[in-house]
C-alpha atoms as a PDB file:
ATOM      1  CA  UNK A   1      -5.231 -12.167   6.483  1.00  0.00           C
ATOM      2  CA  UNK A   2      -5.821 -11.228  10.041  1.00  0.00           C
ATOM      3  CA  UNK A   3      -5.759  -7.823  11.334  1.00  0.00           C
ATOM      4  CA  UNK A   4      -6.488  -6.401  14.784  1.00  0.00           C
ATOM      5  CA  UNK A   5      -6.885  -2.783  15.015  1.00  0.00           C
ATOM      6  CA  UNK A   6      -6.596  -0.920  18.358  1.00  0.00           C
ATOM      7  CA  UNK A   7      -8.647   2.381  18.601  1.00  0.00           C
ATOM      8  CA  UNK A   8     -10.992   0.886  16.094  1.00  0.00           C
ATOM      9  CA  UNK A   9     -13.723   3.466  17.102  1.00  0.00           C
ATOM     10  CA  UNK A  10     -11.375   6.574  16.409  1.00  0.00           C
ATOM     11  CA  UNK A  11     -11.073   8.703  12.853  1.00  0.00           C
ATOM     12  CA  UNK A  12      -7.992   6.461  11.436  1.00  0.00           C
ATOM     13  CA  UNK A  13      -9.097   3.048  13.214  1.00  0.00           C
ATOM     14  CA  UNK A  14     -12.952   3.012  11.783  1.00  0.00           C
ATOM     15  CA  UNK A  15     -11.199   3.754   7.835  1.00  0.00           C
ATOM     16  CA  UNK A  16      -8.638   1.155   8.756  1.00  0.00           C
ATOM     17  CA  UNK A  17     -11.126  -1.351  10.171  1.00  0.00           C
ATOM     18  CA  UNK A  18     -13.546  -0.517   7.034  1.00  0.00           C
ATOM     19  CA  UNK A  19     -10.904  -0.710   3.997  1.00  0.00           C
ATOM     20  CA  UNK A  20      -9.655  -3.904   5.734  1.00  0.00           C
ATOM     21  CA  UNK A  21     -13.151  -5.599   5.671  1.00  0.00           C
ATOM     22  CA  UNK A  22     -13.614  -4.111   2.075  1.00  0.00           C
ATOM     23  CA  UNK A  23     -10.491  -6.201   1.467  1.00  0.00           C
ATOM     24  CA  UNK A  24     -11.572  -9.560   2.557  1.00  0.00           C
ATOM     25  CA  UNK A  25      -9.588  -9.692   5.481  1.00  0.00           C
ATOM     26  CA  UNK A  26     -10.672 -10.601   8.808  1.00  0.00           C
ATOM     27  CA  UNK A  27     -10.843  -7.714  11.573  1.00  0.00           C
ATOM     28  CA  UNK A  28     -10.614  -7.897  15.071  1.00  0.00           C
ATOM     29  CA  UNK A  29     -11.634  -4.700  16.706  1.00  0.00           C
ATOM     30  CA  UNK A  30     -11.694  -5.132  20.779  1.00  0.00           C
ATOM     31  CA  UNK A  31     -13.174  -2.591  23.003  1.00  0.00           C
ATOM     32  CA  UNK A  32     -11.251  -1.064  26.036  1.00  0.00           C
ATOM     33  CA  UNK A  33     -10.255  -3.745  28.409  1.00  0.00           C
ATOM     34  CA  UNK A  34     -11.064  -6.794  25.922  1.00  0.00           C
ATOM     35  CA  UNK A  35      -8.895  -9.735  27.188  1.00  0.00           C
ATOM     36  CA  UNK A  36      -9.121 -11.364  23.605  1.00  0.00           C
ATOM     37  CA  UNK A  37      -6.356  -9.023  23.151  1.00  0.00           C
ATOM     38  CA  UNK A  38      -4.209 -11.985  25.272  1.00  0.00           C
ATOM     39  CA  UNK A  39      -6.019 -15.331  24.513  1.00  0.00           C
ATOM     40  CA  UNK A  40      -5.793 -15.383  20.578  1.00  0.00           C
ATOM     41  CA  UNK A  41      -3.371 -14.960  18.037  1.00  0.00           C
ATOM     42  CA  UNK A  42      -4.093 -11.047  16.627  1.00  0.00           C
ATOM     43  CA  UNK A  43      -2.264 -11.442  12.963  1.00  0.00           C
ATOM     44  CA  UNK A  44      -1.321  -7.957  11.778  1.00  0.00           C
ATOM     45  CA  UNK A  45      -1.847  -5.335  14.776  1.00  0.00           C
ATOM     46  CA  UNK A  46      -2.332  -1.603  13.679  1.00  0.00           C
ATOM     47  CA  UNK A  47      -2.108   0.106  17.122  1.00  0.00           C
ATOM     48  CA  UNK A  48      -4.478   3.499  16.493  1.00  0.00           C
ATOM     49  CA  UNK A  49      -5.227   4.342  19.701  1.00  0.00           C
ATOM     50  CA  UNK A  50      -4.369   7.599  20.999  1.00  0.00           C
ATOM     51  CA  UNK A  51      -5.753  11.315  22.102  1.00  0.00           C
ATOM     52  CA  UNK A  52      -4.982  14.190  19.469  1.00  0.00           C
ATOM     53  CA  UNK A  53      -5.930  17.776  19.517  1.00  0.00           C
ATOM     54  CA  UNK A  54      -7.308  17.513  23.252  1.00  0.00           C
ATOM     55  CA  UNK A  55      -3.964  16.051  24.640  1.00  0.00           C
ATOM     56  CA  UNK A  56      -3.375  19.382  26.821  1.00  0.00           C
ATOM     57  CA  UNK A  57      -6.034  18.986  28.860  1.00  0.00           C
ATOM     58  CA  UNK A  58      -5.630  15.452  28.819  1.00  0.00           C
ATOM     59  CA  UNK A  59      -2.478  14.604  29.913  1.00  0.00           C
ATOM     60  CA  UNK A  60      -2.815  11.016  31.910  1.00  0.00           C
ATOM     61  CA  UNK A  61      -5.303  10.091  29.029  1.00  0.00           C
ATOM     62  CA  UNK A  62      -2.869  10.847  26.326  1.00  0.00           C
ATOM     63  CA  UNK A  63      -0.353   8.873  28.238  1.00  0.00           C
ATOM     64  CA  UNK A  64      -2.489   5.938  28.924  1.00  0.00           C
ATOM     65  CA  UNK A  65      -3.697   5.779  25.121  1.00  0.00           C
ATOM     66  CA  UNK A  66      -0.180   6.051  23.530  1.00  0.00           C
ATOM     67  CA  UNK A  67       1.518   4.093  25.962  1.00  0.00           C
ATOM     68  CA  UNK A  68       0.116   1.665  28.539  1.00  0.00           C
ATOM     69  CA  UNK A  69      -1.782  -0.892  26.373  1.00  0.00           C
ATOM     70  CA  UNK A  70       0.849  -0.982  24.065  1.00  0.00           C
ATOM     71  CA  UNK A  71       3.184  -2.005  26.424  1.00  0.00           C
ATOM     72  CA  UNK A  72       0.975  -4.694  27.626  1.00  0.00           C
ATOM     73  CA  UNK A  73       0.335  -5.992  24.183  1.00  0.00           C
ATOM     74  CA  UNK A  74       4.390  -6.176  23.227  1.00  0.00           C
ATOM     75  CA  UNK A  75       4.807  -7.989  26.652  1.00  0.00           C
ATOM     76  CA  UNK A  76       1.983 -10.190  26.371  1.00  0.00           C
ATOM     77  CA  UNK A  77       0.393 -10.737  23.259  1.00  0.00           C
ATOM     78  CA  UNK A  78       0.981 -12.808  20.392  1.00  0.00           C
ATOM     79  CA  UNK A  79       0.976 -11.245  16.979  1.00  0.00           C
ATOM     80  CA  UNK A  80       2.422 -11.837  13.401  1.00  0.00           C
ATOM     81  CA  UNK A  81       3.508  -8.078  13.246  1.00  0.00           C
ATOM     82  CA  UNK A  82       2.756  -4.732  15.031  1.00  0.00           C
ATOM     83  CA  UNK A  83       2.272  -1.187  13.458  1.00  0.00           C
ATOM     84  CA  UNK A  84       2.319   1.842  16.079  1.00  0.00           C
ATOM     85  CA  UNK A  85       1.133   4.808  14.523  1.00  0.00           C
ATOM     86  CA  UNK A  86       3.242   7.737  16.025  1.00  0.00           C
ATOM     87  CA  UNK A  87       3.130  11.538  14.611  1.00  0.00           C
ATOM     88  CA  UNK A  88       5.411  13.517  12.325  1.00  0.00           C
ATOM     89  CA  UNK A  89       4.830  16.360  14.463  1.00  0.00           C
ATOM     90  CA  UNK A  90       8.046  15.590  16.648  1.00  0.00           C
ATOM     91  CA  UNK A  91       9.618  16.731  13.707  1.00  0.00           C
ATOM     92  CA  UNK A  92       8.898  20.608  14.674  1.00  0.00           C
ATOM     93  CA  UNK A  93      12.632  20.835  15.708  1.00  0.00           C
ATOM     94  CA  UNK A  94      14.557  18.946  13.711  1.00  0.00           C
ATOM     95  CA  UNK A  95      16.997  19.707  11.202  1.00  0.00           C
ATOM     96  CA  UNK A  96      15.146  17.332   8.497  1.00  0.00           C
ATOM     97  CA  UNK A  97      12.595  14.985   8.337  1.00  0.00           C
ATOM     98  CA  UNK A  98      13.806  11.490   7.414  1.00  0.00           C
ATOM     99  CA  UNK A  99      12.848   9.012   9.661  1.00  0.00           C
ATOM    100  CA  UNK A 100      16.360   8.767  11.220  1.00  0.00           C
ATOM    101  CA  UNK A 101      16.270  12.410  11.943  1.00  0.00           C
ATOM    102  CA  UNK A 102      17.505  13.772  15.562  1.00  0.00           C
ATOM    103  CA  UNK A 103      14.201  14.708  17.444  1.00  0.00           C
ATOM    104  CA  UNK A 104      14.388  17.581  19.648  1.00  0.00           C
ATOM    105  CA  UNK A 105      12.362  17.601  22.639  1.00  0.00           C
ATOM    106  CA  UNK A 106      11.761  19.567  26.090  1.00  0.00           C
ATOM    107  CA  UNK A 107      10.105  17.998  29.080  1.00  0.00           C
ATOM    108  CA  UNK A 108       9.555  21.711  30.108  1.00  0.00           C
ATOM    109  CA  UNK A 109       7.372  22.815  27.067  1.00  0.00           C
ATOM    110  CA  UNK A 110       3.897  21.643  27.294  1.00  0.00           C
ATOM    111  CA  UNK A 111       3.383  21.419  23.644  1.00  0.00           C
ATOM    112  CA  UNK A 112       6.124  18.843  23.588  1.00  0.00           C
ATOM    113  CA  UNK A 113       4.077  16.570  25.991  1.00  0.00           C
ATOM    114  CA  UNK A 114       2.313  15.034  23.064  1.00  0.00           C
ATOM    115  CA  UNK A 115       5.234  13.842  21.245  1.00  0.00           C
ATOM    116  CA  UNK A 116       7.298  12.708  24.142  1.00  0.00           C
ATOM    117  CA  UNK A 117       4.573  10.156  24.982  1.00  0.00           C
ATOM    118  CA  UNK A 118       4.679   8.973  21.402  1.00  0.00           C
ATOM    119  CA  UNK A 119       8.218   8.864  21.074  1.00  0.00           C
ATOM    120  CA  UNK A 120       8.333   6.636  24.282  1.00  0.00           C
ATOM    121  CA  UNK A 121       5.862   4.318  22.599  1.00  0.00           C
ATOM    122  CA  UNK A 122       8.351   4.186  19.571  1.00  0.00           C
ATOM    123  CA  UNK A 123      11.306   3.515  21.600  1.00  0.00           C
ATOM    124  CA  UNK A 124       9.475   0.640  23.467  1.00  0.00           C
ATOM    125  CA  UNK A 125       8.377  -0.852  20.033  1.00  0.00           C
ATOM    126  CA  UNK A 126      12.063  -1.054  19.428  1.00  0.00           C
ATOM    127  CA  UNK A 127      13.361  -2.017  22.810  1.00  0.00           C
ATOM    128  CA  UNK A 128      10.963  -4.916  22.929  1.00  0.00           C
ATOM    129  CA  UNK A 129      12.695  -6.616  20.214  1.00  0.00           C
ATOM    130  CA  UNK A 130       9.640  -8.433  19.127  1.00  0.00           C
ATOM    131  CA  UNK A 131       9.850  -9.373  15.440  1.00  0.00           C
ATOM    132  CA  UNK A 132       8.011  -7.108  12.979  1.00  0.00           C
ATOM    133  CA  UNK A 133       7.663  -4.318  15.059  1.00  0.00           C
ATOM    134  CA  UNK A 134       7.102  -1.147  13.138  1.00  0.00           C
ATOM    135  CA  UNK A 135       6.125   2.692  13.458  1.00  0.00           C
ATOM    136  CA  UNK A 136       4.418   4.882  11.119  1.00  0.00           C
ATOM    137  CA  UNK A 137       4.598   8.691  11.568  1.00  0.00           C
ATOM    138  CA  UNK A 138       1.545  10.165   9.873  1.00  0.00           C
ATOM    139  CA  UNK A 139       1.211  14.107   9.027  1.00  0.00           C
ATOM    140  CA  UNK A 140      -2.073  15.616   9.453  1.00  0.00           C
ATOM    141  CA  UNK A 141      -4.847  12.867   7.966  1.00  0.00           C
ATOM    142  CA  UNK A 142      -7.638  14.341   5.835  1.00  0.00           C
ATOM    143  CA  UNK A 143     -11.157  12.736   5.345  1.00  0.00           C
ATOM    144  CA  UNK A 144     -14.787  12.901   6.979  1.00  0.00           C
ATOM    145  CA  UNK A 145     -13.714  13.338  10.832  1.00  0.00           C
ATOM    146  CA  UNK A 146     -16.444  16.036  11.887  1.00  0.00           C
ATOM    147  CA  UNK A 147     -16.493  15.716  15.645  1.00  0.00           C
ATOM    148  CA  UNK A 148     -12.752  16.387  15.716  1.00  0.00           C
ATOM    149  CA  UNK A 149     -10.990  19.764  17.084  1.00  0.00           C
ATOM    150  CA  UNK A 150      -8.137  19.556  14.671  1.00  0.00           C
ATOM    151  CA  UNK A 151      -7.365  22.246  12.587  1.00  0.00           C
ATOM    152  CA  UNK A 152      -9.275  21.220   9.141  1.00  0.00           C
ATOM    153  CA  UNK A 153     -12.238  19.990  10.357  1.00  0.00           C
ATOM    154  CA  UNK A 154     -12.636  23.317  12.783  1.00  0.00           C
ATOM    155  CA  UNK A 155     -12.428  25.208   9.527  1.00  0.00           C
ATOM    156  CA  UNK A 156     -14.767  23.149   7.741  1.00  0.00           C
ATOM    157  CA  UNK A 157     -17.419  23.721  10.523  1.00  0.00           C
ATOM    158  CA  UNK A 158     -17.079  27.082  11.065  1.00  0.00           C
ATOM    159  CA  UNK A 159     -17.216  28.050   7.057  1.00  0.00           C
ATOM    160  CA  UNK A 160     -20.856  26.183   7.060  1.00  0.00           C
ATOM    161  CA  UNK A 161     -21.998  27.005  10.577  1.00  0.00           C
ATOM    162  CA  UNK A 162     -21.078  30.629  10.616  1.00  0.00           C
ATOM    163  CA  UNK A 163     -20.377  31.533   6.966  1.00  0.00           C
ATOM    164  CA  UNK A 164     -16.938  33.187   8.554  1.00  0.00           C
ATOM    165  CA  UNK A 165     -13.199  31.043   8.768  1.00  0.00           C
ATOM    166  CA  UNK A 166     -11.247  33.246  11.719  1.00  0.00           C
ATOM    167  CA  UNK A 167      -7.474  32.396  11.545  1.00  0.00           C
ATOM    168  CA  UNK A 168      -5.049  32.877  14.588  1.00  0.00           C
ATOM    169  CA  UNK A 169      -2.617  32.131  12.438  1.00  0.00           C
ATOM    170  CA  UNK A 170      -1.289  33.747   9.173  1.00  0.00           C
ATOM    171  CA  UNK A 171      -1.826  32.906   5.742  1.00  0.00           C
ATOM    172  CA  UNK A 172       1.534  31.942   4.822  1.00  0.00           C
ATOM    173  CA  UNK A 173       1.315  29.018   7.744  1.00  0.00           C
ATOM    174  CA  UNK A 174       1.920  25.346   5.972  1.00  0.00           C
ATOM    175  CA  UNK A 175       1.219  21.750   6.983  1.00  0.00           C
ATOM    176  CA  UNK A 176       1.413  18.579   5.437  1.00  0.00           C
ATOM    177  CA  UNK A 177      -2.119  16.996   4.570  1.00  0.00           C
ATOM    178  CA  UNK A 178      -2.639  13.365   3.555  1.00  0.00           C
ATOM    179  CA  UNK A 179      -5.781  11.999   2.424  1.00  0.00           C
ATOM    180  CA  UNK A 180      -7.506   9.024   4.838  1.00  0.00           C
ATOM    181  CA  UNK A 181      -8.029   6.933   1.519  1.00  0.00           C
ATOM    182  CA  UNK A 182      -4.386   6.731   1.128  1.00  0.00           C
ATOM    183  CA  UNK A 183      -3.421   6.125   4.442  1.00  0.00           C
ATOM    184  CA  UNK A 184      -5.218   3.186   4.983  1.00  0.00           C
ATOM    185  CA  UNK A 185      -4.358   1.116   2.009  1.00  0.00           C
ATOM    186  CA  UNK A 186      -0.231   2.476   2.549  1.00  0.00           C
ATOM    187  CA  UNK A 187      -0.557   1.028   6.718  1.00  0.00           C
ATOM    188  CA  UNK A 188      -1.571  -2.598   5.330  1.00  0.00           C
ATOM    189  CA  UNK A 189       1.354  -2.748   3.205  1.00  0.00           C
ATOM    190  CA  UNK A 190       3.980  -1.421   5.855  1.00  0.00           C
ATOM    191  CA  UNK A 191       2.037  -3.661   8.570  1.00  0.00           C
ATOM    192  CA  UNK A 192       2.656  -6.932   6.309  1.00  0.00           C
ATOM    193  CA  UNK A 193       5.390  -6.143   4.454  1.00  0.00           C
ATOM    194  CA  UNK A 194       7.734  -3.340   5.424  1.00  0.00           C
ATOM    195  CA  UNK A 195      11.558  -3.897   5.276  1.00  0.00           C
ATOM    196  CA  UNK A 196      12.390  -1.139   7.763  1.00  0.00           C
ATOM    197  CA  UNK A 197      10.943  -0.147  11.343  1.00  0.00           C
ATOM    198  CA  UNK A 198      10.244   3.402  11.004  1.00  0.00           C
ATOM    199  CA  UNK A 199       8.425   5.285   8.224  1.00  0.00           C
ATOM    200  CA  UNK A 200       6.732   8.791   7.196  1.00  0.00           C
ATOM    201  CA  UNK A 201       3.368   8.621   6.200  1.00  0.00           C
ATOM    202  CA  UNK A 202       2.922  11.714   4.588  1.00  0.00           C
ATOM    203  CA  UNK A 203       2.173  13.737   1.203  1.00  0.00           C
ATOM    204  CA  UNK A 204       5.808  15.114   1.055  1.00  0.00           C
ATOM    205  CA  UNK A 205       4.764  18.875   0.253  1.00  0.00           C
ATOM    206  CA  UNK A 206       3.106  21.658   2.426  1.00  0.00           C
ATOM    207  CA  UNK A 207      -0.371  23.113   1.951  1.00  0.00           C
ATOM    208  CA  UNK A 208      -1.180  26.920   3.355  1.00  0.00           C
ATOM    209  CA  UNK A 209      -3.389  27.999   5.557  1.00  0.00           C
ATOM    210  CA  UNK A 210      -4.116  30.588   1.934  1.00  0.00           C
ATOM    211  CA  UNK A 211      -4.856  27.844  -0.497  1.00  0.00           C
ATOM    212  CA  UNK A 212      -6.861  25.668   2.220  1.00  0.00           C
ATOM    213  CA  UNK A 213      -8.711  28.593   3.298  1.00  0.00           C
ATOM    214  CA  UNK A 214      -9.516  29.415  -0.260  1.00  0.00           C
ATOM    215  CA  UNK A 215     -10.531  26.115  -1.336  1.00  0.00           C
ATOM    216  CA  UNK A 216     -13.397  25.907   1.549  1.00  0.00           C
ATOM    217  CA  UNK A 217     -14.231  29.771   1.501  1.00  0.00           C
ATOM    218  CA  UNK A 218     -15.071  28.702  -2.495  1.00  0.00           C
ATOM    219  CA  UNK A 219     -17.026  25.844  -1.553  1.00  0.00           C
ATOM    220  CA  UNK A 220     -18.860  27.539   1.479  1.00  0.00           C
ATOM    221  CA  UNK A 221     -18.906  31.144   0.385  1.00  0.00           C
ATOM    222  CA  UNK A 222     -17.308  31.781   4.017  1.00  0.00           C
ATOM    223  CA  UNK A 223     -15.481  35.181   4.594  1.00  0.00           C
ATOM    224  CA  UNK A 224     -11.893  34.566   5.841  1.00  0.00           C
ATOM    225  CA  UNK A 225     -10.468  36.724   8.187  1.00  0.00           C
ATOM    226  CA  UNK A 226      -7.115  36.804  10.201  1.00  0.00           C
ATOM    227  CA  UNK A 227      -6.021  38.204  13.605  1.00  0.00           C
ATOM    228  CA  UNK A 228      -3.959  40.936  13.252  1.00  0.00           C
ATOM    229  CA  UNK A 229      -0.030  40.415  13.795  1.00  0.00           C
ATOM    230  CA  UNK A 230      -0.907  36.337  13.563  1.00  0.00           C
ATOM    231  CA  UNK A 231       1.943  34.386  13.772  1.00  0.00           C
ATOM    232  CA  UNK A 232       3.118  32.662  10.589  1.00  0.00           C
ATOM    233  CA  UNK A 233       3.729  28.915  11.867  1.00  0.00           C
ATOM    234  CA  UNK A 234       5.174  26.342   9.379  1.00  0.00           C
ATOM    235  CA  UNK A 235       5.640  22.710   9.997  1.00  0.00           C
ATOM    236  CA  UNK A 236       8.468  21.250   7.784  1.00  0.00           C
ATOM    237  CA  UNK A 237       7.684  19.109   4.701  1.00  0.00           C
ATOM    238  CA  UNK A 238       7.847  15.881   5.848  1.00  0.00           C
ATOM    239  CA  UNK A 239      10.073  13.554   3.480  1.00  0.00           C
ATOM    240  CA  UNK A 240       8.116  10.412   1.864  1.00  0.00           C
ATOM    241  CA  UNK A 241      11.103   9.369   0.100  1.00  0.00           C
ATOM    242  CA  UNK A 242      10.899   5.863   1.862  1.00  0.00           C
ATOM    243  CA  UNK A 243       7.507   4.678   1.151  1.00  0.00           C
ATOM    244  CA  UNK A 244       7.831   6.348  -2.231  1.00  0.00           C
ATOM    245  CA  UNK A 245      10.681   4.122  -3.146  1.00  0.00           C
ATOM    246  CA  UNK A 246       9.482   1.090  -1.040  1.00  0.00           C
ATOM    247  CA  UNK A 247       6.009   1.242  -1.986  1.00  0.00           C
ATOM    248  CA  UNK A 248       5.371   3.446  -4.821  1.00  0.00           C
ATOM    249  CA  UNK A 249       3.128   5.976  -3.063  1.00  0.00           C
ATOM    250  CA  UNK A 250       2.122   8.633  -4.845  1.00  0.00           C
ATOM    251  CA  UNK A 251      -0.418  10.635  -2.358  1.00  0.00           C
ATOM    252  CA  UNK A 252      -3.367  12.808  -3.587  1.00  0.00           C
ATOM    253  CA  UNK A 253      -3.772  16.355  -4.058  1.00  0.00           C
ATOM    254  CA  UNK A 254      -6.191  17.318  -1.013  1.00  0.00           C
ATOM    255  CA  UNK A 255      -7.572  20.469  -2.552  1.00  0.00           C
ATOM    256  CA  UNK A 256      -9.698  19.016  -5.102  1.00  0.00           C
ATOM    257  CA  UNK A 257     -11.599  16.795  -1.939  1.00  0.00           C
ATOM    258  CA  UNK A 258     -12.410  20.157   0.108  1.00  0.00           C
ATOM    259  CA  UNK A 259     -16.203  20.449  -1.723  1.00  0.00           C
ATOM    260  CA  UNK A 260     -16.769  16.449  -1.061  1.00  0.00           C
ATOM    261  CA  UNK A 261     -15.902  17.363   2.668  1.00  0.00           C
ATOM    262  CA  UNK A 262     -18.030  20.111   2.709  1.00  0.00           C
ATOM    263  CA  UNK A 263     -20.843  18.057   1.692  1.00  0.00           C
ATOM    264  CA  UNK A 264     -20.565  15.446   4.196  1.00  0.00           C
ATOM    265  CA  UNK A 265     -20.169  17.894   6.775  1.00  0.00           C
ATOM    266  CA  UNK A 266     -23.544  19.347   5.679  1.00  0.00           C
ATOM    267  CA  UNK A 267     -25.003  15.968   5.426  1.00  0.00           C
ATOM    268  CA  UNK A 268     -23.518  15.136   9.005  1.00  0.00           C
ATOM    269  CA  UNK A 269     -25.056  18.198  10.311  1.00  0.00           C
ATOM    270  CA  UNK A 270     -28.546  17.906   9.011  1.00  0.00           C
ATOM    271  CA  UNK A 271     -28.595  14.157  10.412  1.00  0.00           C
ATOM    272  CA  UNK A 272     -27.420  15.487  13.848  1.00  0.00           C
ATOM    273  CA  UNK A 273     -29.898  18.358  13.846  1.00  0.00           C
END
């Protein structure tokens, strides 16, 4: 099959290109401003471009990455399918986390800006009425992405570099984490054969800061500290019923992979140093 990965230099985009190539697929990974996007058939498009942890300081880049190129592709490009990678973060204020949940967002809340741009992109995908256009809402994807400022990677860096893990949120805080290897396989299936327009890509279970930091501390010897009166921040467990039923998705347990991630970071740090 032919695939085009938008955002191929990012964490998920790189992993998609690598996995698809290993499976024998032809993969186009266009750079920014590449007019090949509009002059040749793109096959199955995986739209992985985006801004993540630093969206608060880069609002214009965030909006452009999430919506502008997407609009051009939907309007002008030739493709067999398009899968837009969105975020399950938008369920923070929802009554449930099924794909049909009503999402409550406020333009006045700077924390909602990221979700608003993702929701705009989702709406654009559906309003375009292009055939085989789908959405995948991802939770926290785990893998060797050590340049990222996302929560897990910052903990591993701090543990390895300083011997400490300092938490500003309580140990009872929870998030949903899913392994990158599981994600890329599932995204390829959704892109080529998904029956629905929207899917949650999630482990379907929450992992506490206590369990996560204990695993990192065990692998590194780091000491865990929590600031006084740290708030407990809990994301709701994200439903993965749809991908379990349609694709037989069985997510891996993240905790056994922590020692491997620590080893990978130490190798990365040695090479960088």
